[in-house]
Amino acid sequence: MQQAIQEIVLEIPSGCSFDSHFVIARLIKRDYDAYLRFVADRFDAATIQTNRVHGQMAEQITNLEEQGIVERLPQESWSENVQGNPSPCACWRKR
């Protein structure tokens, strides 16, 4: 999962901001099988909650901050999640 997320982030031009919703949506479009494996490996089918799954995926972006690839911005974005509902989301800038 970390590799798939890093590949998506590396395609973002330096200086551009993006949010976790963008990365998750791209992941689902690019590698749905990896997305499903991530969910299956970490969650019991009876208790899957999308916000918990996506929260753990967003934590993978934090690992990229530790590597100097991105920086977390102090503000949140307001964007559409994969269920089509607008909600607040962590916002990042590609270095």
C-alpha atoms as a PDB file:
ATOM      1  CA  MET A   1       0.000   0.000   0.000  1.00  0.00           C
ATOM      2  CA  GLN A   2       2.789   2.404   0.891  1.00  0.00           C
ATOM      3  CA  GLN A   3       4.382   1.881  -2.526  1.00  0.00           C
ATOM      4  CA  ALA A   4       1.090   2.445  -4.380  1.00  0.00           C
ATOM      5  CA  ILE A   5       0.386   5.644  -2.437  1.00  0.00           C
ATOM      6  CA  GLN A   6       3.935   6.891  -2.939  1.00  0.00           C
ATOM      7  CA  GLU A   7       3.654   6.353  -6.706  1.00  0.00           C
ATOM      8  CA  ILE A   8       0.454   8.415  -6.799  1.00  0.00           C
ATOM      9  CA  VAL A   9       2.000  11.231  -4.758  1.00  0.00           C
ATOM     10  CA  LEU A  10       5.194  11.281  -6.821  1.00  0.00           C
ATOM     11  CA  GLU A  11       3.105  11.989  -9.922  1.00  0.00           C
ATOM     12  CA  ILE A  12       1.789  15.215  -8.353  1.00  0.00           C
ATOM     13  CA  PRO A  13       3.823  18.236  -9.494  1.00  0.00           C
ATOM     14  CA  SER A  14       6.037  19.823  -6.833  1.00  0.00           C
ATOM     15  CA  GLY A  15       4.364  22.726  -5.059  1.00  0.00           C
ATOM     16  CA  CYS A  16       0.837  21.484  -5.729  1.00  0.00           C
ATOM     17  CA  SER A  17      -1.525  20.837  -2.850  1.00  0.00           C
ATOM     18  CA  PHE A  18      -3.758  17.786  -2.657  1.00  0.00           C
ATOM     19  CA  ASP A  19      -5.842  15.969  -0.093  1.00  0.00           C
ATOM     20  CA  SER A  20      -6.237  12.431   1.137  1.00  0.00           C
ATOM     21  CA  HIS A  21      -9.514  12.033  -0.772  1.00  0.00           C
ATOM     22  CA  PHE A  22      -7.619  12.621  -4.027  1.00  0.00           C
ATOM     23  CA  VAL A  23      -5.009   9.972  -3.205  1.00  0.00           C
ATOM     24  CA  ILE A  24      -7.587   7.389  -2.147  1.00  0.00           C
ATOM     25  CA  ALA A  25      -9.726   8.005  -5.246  1.00  0.00           C
ATOM     26  CA  ARG A  26      -6.654   7.608  -7.479  1.00  0.00           C
ATOM     27  CA  LEU A  27      -5.667   4.437  -5.661  1.00  0.00           C
ATOM     28  CA  ILE A  28      -9.100   2.916  -6.212  1.00  0.00           C
ATOM     29  CA  LYS A  29      -8.970   3.798  -9.921  1.00  0.00           C
ATOM     30  CA  ARG A  30      -5.384   2.650 -10.458  1.00  0.00           C
ATOM     31  CA  ASP A  31      -5.077  -0.419  -8.298  1.00  0.00           C
ATOM     32  CA  TYR A  32      -8.395  -1.555  -6.899  1.00  0.00           C
ATOM     33  CA  ASP A  33      -6.931  -4.969  -6.085  1.00  0.00           C
ATOM     34  CA  ALA A  34      -4.309  -3.386  -3.785  1.00  0.00           C
ATOM     35  CA  TYR A  35      -7.073  -1.354  -2.163  1.00  0.00           C
ATOM     36  CA  LEU A  36      -9.122  -4.501  -1.516  1.00  0.00           C
ATOM     37  CA  ARG A  37      -6.089  -6.400  -0.181  1.00  0.00           C
ATOM     38  CA  PHE A  38      -5.359  -3.555   2.247  1.00  0.00           C
ATOM     39  CA  VAL A  39      -8.929  -3.685   3.542  1.00  0.00           C
ATOM     40  CA  ALA A  40      -9.010  -7.490   3.750  1.00  0.00           C
ATOM     41  CA  ASP A  41      -5.683  -7.671   5.590  1.00  0.00           C
ATOM     42  CA  ARG A  42      -6.665  -5.183   8.283  1.00  0.00           C
ATOM     43  CA  PHE A  43     -10.382  -5.402   8.857  1.00  0.00           C
ATOM     44  CA  ASP A  44     -12.989  -8.018   9.666  1.00  0.00           C
ATOM     45  CA  ALA A  45     -15.651  -7.955   6.955  1.00  0.00           C
ATOM     46  CA  ALA A  46     -18.431  -7.497   9.509  1.00  0.00           C
ATOM     47  CA  THR A  47     -16.884  -4.370  11.008  1.00  0.00           C
ATOM     48  CA  ILE A  48     -15.460  -2.498   8.018  1.00  0.00           C
ATOM     49  CA  GLN A  49     -16.030   1.246   8.236  1.00  0.00           C
ATOM     50  CA  THR A  50     -14.921   3.290   5.252  1.00  0.00           C
ATOM     51  CA  ASN A  51     -13.730   6.226   7.351  1.00  0.00           C
ATOM     52  CA  ARG A  52     -11.484   3.933   9.435  1.00  0.00           C
ATOM     53  CA  VAL A  53     -10.049   2.244   6.343  1.00  0.00           C
ATOM     54  CA  HIS A  54      -9.368   5.536   4.640  1.00  0.00           C
ATOM     55  CA  GLY A  55      -7.951   7.021   7.828  1.00  0.00           C
ATOM     56  CA  GLN A  56      -5.352   4.263   7.883  1.00  0.00           C
ATOM     57  CA  MET A  57      -4.595   4.860   4.215  1.00  0.00           C
ATOM     58  CA  ALA A  58      -4.146   8.569   4.898  1.00  0.00           C
ATOM     59  CA  GLU A  59      -1.596   7.644   7.577  1.00  0.00           C
ATOM     60  CA  GLN A  60       0.534   6.275   4.744  1.00  0.00           C
ATOM     61  CA  ILE A  61       0.811   9.842   3.426  1.00  0.00           C
ATOM     62  CA  THR A  62       2.209  10.872   6.815  1.00  0.00           C
ATOM     63  CA  ASN A  63       5.047   8.417   6.210  1.00  0.00           C
ATOM     64  CA  LEU A  64       5.870  10.372   3.052  1.00  0.00           C
ATOM     65  CA  GLU A  65       6.119  13.523   5.152  1.00  0.00           C
ATOM     66  CA  GLU A  66       8.780  11.818   7.272  1.00  0.00           C
ATOM     67  CA  GLN A  67      10.675  11.106   4.029  1.00  0.00           C
ATOM     68  CA  GLY A  68      10.488  14.757   2.966  1.00  0.00           C
ATOM     69  CA  ILE A  69       8.243  14.085  -0.035  1.00  0.00           C
ATOM     70  CA  VAL A  70       5.216  16.019   1.257  1.00  0.00           C
ATOM     71  CA  GLU A  71       4.342  18.475   3.984  1.00  0.00           C
ATOM     72  CA  ARG A  72       1.054  18.601   5.865  1.00  0.00           C
ATOM     73  CA  LEU A  73      -0.702  21.928   5.551  1.00  0.00           C
ATOM     74  CA  PRO A  74      -2.331  23.462   8.624  1.00  0.00           C
ATOM     75  CA  GLN A  75      -5.722  23.823   6.961  1.00  0.00           C
ATOM     76  CA  GLU A  76      -8.020  21.054   5.869  1.00  0.00           C
ATOM     77  CA  SER A  77      -9.627  20.800   2.478  1.00  0.00           C
ATOM     78  CA  TRP A  78     -13.332  20.326   1.857  1.00  0.00           C
ATOM     79  CA  SER A  79     -13.693  17.725  -0.842  1.00  0.00           C
ATOM     80  CA  GLU A  80     -15.810  14.847  -2.003  1.00  0.00           C
ATOM     81  CA  ASN A  81     -15.022  11.436  -0.563  1.00  0.00           C
ATOM     82  CA  VAL A  82     -15.379   8.177  -2.505  1.00  0.00           C
ATOM     83  CA  GLN A  83     -18.997   7.904  -1.395  1.00  0.00           C
ATOM     84  CA  GLY A  84     -19.738  11.246  -3.042  1.00  0.00           C
ATOM     85  CA  ASN A  85     -20.191  13.180   0.201  1.00  0.00           C
ATOM     86  CA  PRO A  86     -18.272  16.384   0.919  1.00  0.00           C
ATOM     87  CA  SER A  87     -16.266  16.293   4.131  1.00  0.00           C
ATOM     88  CA  PRO A  88     -13.123  17.779   5.689  1.00  0.00           C
ATOM     89  CA  CYS A  89      -9.869  16.121   4.744  1.00  0.00           C
ATOM     90  CA  ALA A  90      -6.151  16.404   5.505  1.00  0.00           C
ATOM     91  CA  CYS A  91      -4.390  18.668   3.025  1.00  0.00           C
ATOM     92  CA  TRP A  92      -0.819  18.200   1.828  1.00  0.00           C
ATOM     93  CA  ARG A  93       1.721  19.919  -0.445  1.00  0.00           C
ATOM     94  CA  LYS A  94       4.122  17.975  -2.637  1.00  0.00           C
ATOM     95  CA  ARG A  95       7.707  19.136  -2.098  1.00  0.00           C
END
